[in-house]
């Protein structure tokens, strides 16, 4: 890393002010990311994520699931009606 050369104190002050603002921005980004992680790890959001995953899986394969389950449900209902 090459050393910077300043010709006046005003340039040094300007550079320090820029670095101070960049530092504050980085701190605020870290705080925002921590809040996002906290929100993501709340029990309600975890349940929503799990249900959302199952919902997408079921919706993508609902025809297949229905075609597999329907014969079992029909045979179960027939057996139940006969008393077996």
Protein backbone atom coordinates (compact mmCIF):
# COMPACT_ATOMS: atom_id res chain seq x y z
CA UNK A 1 0.00 0.00 0.00
CA UNK A 2 1.40 3.30 -1.06
CA UNK A 3 1.55 6.08 1.50
CA UNK A 4 -0.60 9.08 0.76
CA UNK A 5 0.97 12.49 0.73
CA UNK A 6 -1.00 15.47 1.79
CA UNK A 7 -0.14 19.05 0.94
CA UNK A 8 -2.36 20.65 3.59
CA UNK A 9 -4.16 19.99 6.84
CA UNK A 10 -7.46 20.55 5.02
CA UNK A 11 -6.83 17.46 2.88
CA UNK A 12 -6.05 15.42 6.00
CA UNK A 13 -9.23 16.65 7.70
CA UNK A 14 -11.28 15.86 4.58
CA UNK A 15 -9.81 12.32 4.41
CA UNK A 16 -10.51 11.76 8.12
CA UNK A 17 -14.10 12.94 7.69
CA UNK A 18 -14.60 10.53 4.77
CA UNK A 19 -13.17 7.65 6.79
CA UNK A 20 -15.39 8.55 9.75
CA UNK A 21 -18.51 8.51 7.56
CA UNK A 22 -17.50 5.20 5.94
CA UNK A 23 -16.97 3.70 9.38
CA UNK A 24 -20.43 4.85 10.52
CA UNK A 25 -22.03 3.42 7.37
CA UNK A 26 -20.36 0.07 7.95
CA UNK A 27 -21.52 0.01 11.57
CA UNK A 28 -25.10 0.76 10.47
CA UNK A 29 -24.93 -2.04 7.87
CA UNK A 30 -23.77 -4.48 10.55
CA UNK A 31 -26.61 -3.39 12.86
CA UNK A 32 -29.14 -3.81 10.04
CA UNK A 33 -27.81 -7.28 9.23
CA UNK A 34 -28.05 -8.29 12.90
CA UNK A 35 -31.70 -7.16 12.94
CA UNK A 36 -32.41 -9.18 9.79
CA UNK A 37 -30.84 -12.27 11.35
CA UNK A 38 -32.83 -11.79 14.57
CA UNK A 39 -36.06 -11.45 12.59
CA UNK A 40 -35.21 -14.50 10.50
CA UNK A 41 -34.57 -16.62 13.57
CA UNK A 42 -37.81 -15.77 15.33
CA UNK A 43 -40.06 -18.82 15.87
CA UNK A 44 -42.88 -17.41 13.75
CA UNK A 45 -40.61 -16.77 10.77
CA UNK A 46 -39.04 -20.22 11.08
CA UNK A 47 -42.51 -21.81 11.02
CA UNK A 48 -43.50 -19.65 8.02
CA UNK A 49 -40.37 -20.75 6.17
CA UNK A 50 -41.02 -24.43 6.90
CA UNK A 51 -44.67 -24.20 5.86
CA UNK A 52 -43.73 -22.23 2.77
CA UNK A 53 -41.26 -24.94 1.74
CA UNK A 54 -43.84 -27.69 2.19
CA UNK A 55 -46.47 -25.61 0.43
CA UNK A 56 -44.24 -25.14 -2.61
CA UNK A 57 -43.35 -28.85 -2.69
CA UNK A 58 -47.00 -29.88 -2.44
CA UNK A 59 -48.14 -27.35 -5.05
CA UNK A 60 -45.45 -28.51 -7.47
CA UNK A 61 -46.41 -32.18 -7.06
CA UNK A 62 -50.08 -31.91 -6.13
CA UNK A 63 -51.26 -33.86 -9.18
CA UNK A 64 -48.91 -36.73 -8.45
CA UNK A 65 -49.81 -36.79 -4.77
CA UNK A 66 -53.52 -36.71 -5.60
CA UNK A 67 -53.17 -39.57 -8.13
CA UNK A 68 -51.33 -41.71 -5.60
CA UNK A 69 -53.57 -40.92 -2.63
CA UNK A 70 -56.95 -41.15 -4.36
CA UNK A 71 -56.99 -44.96 -4.85
CA UNK A 72 -55.96 -45.51 -1.23
CA UNK A 73 -58.70 -43.19 0.00
CA UNK A 74 -61.32 -44.90 -2.16
CA UNK A 75 -60.35 -48.39 -0.99
CA UNK A 76 -60.25 -47.23 2.64
CA UNK A 77 -63.71 -45.67 2.31
CA UNK A 78 -65.15 -48.82 0.70
CA UNK A 79 -63.71 -51.04 3.44
CA UNK A 80 -65.06 -48.71 6.10
CA UNK A 81 -68.55 -48.76 4.61
CA UNK A 82 -68.61 -52.55 4.53
CA UNK A 83 -67.51 -52.74 8.13
CA UNK A 84 -64.19 -54.53 7.44
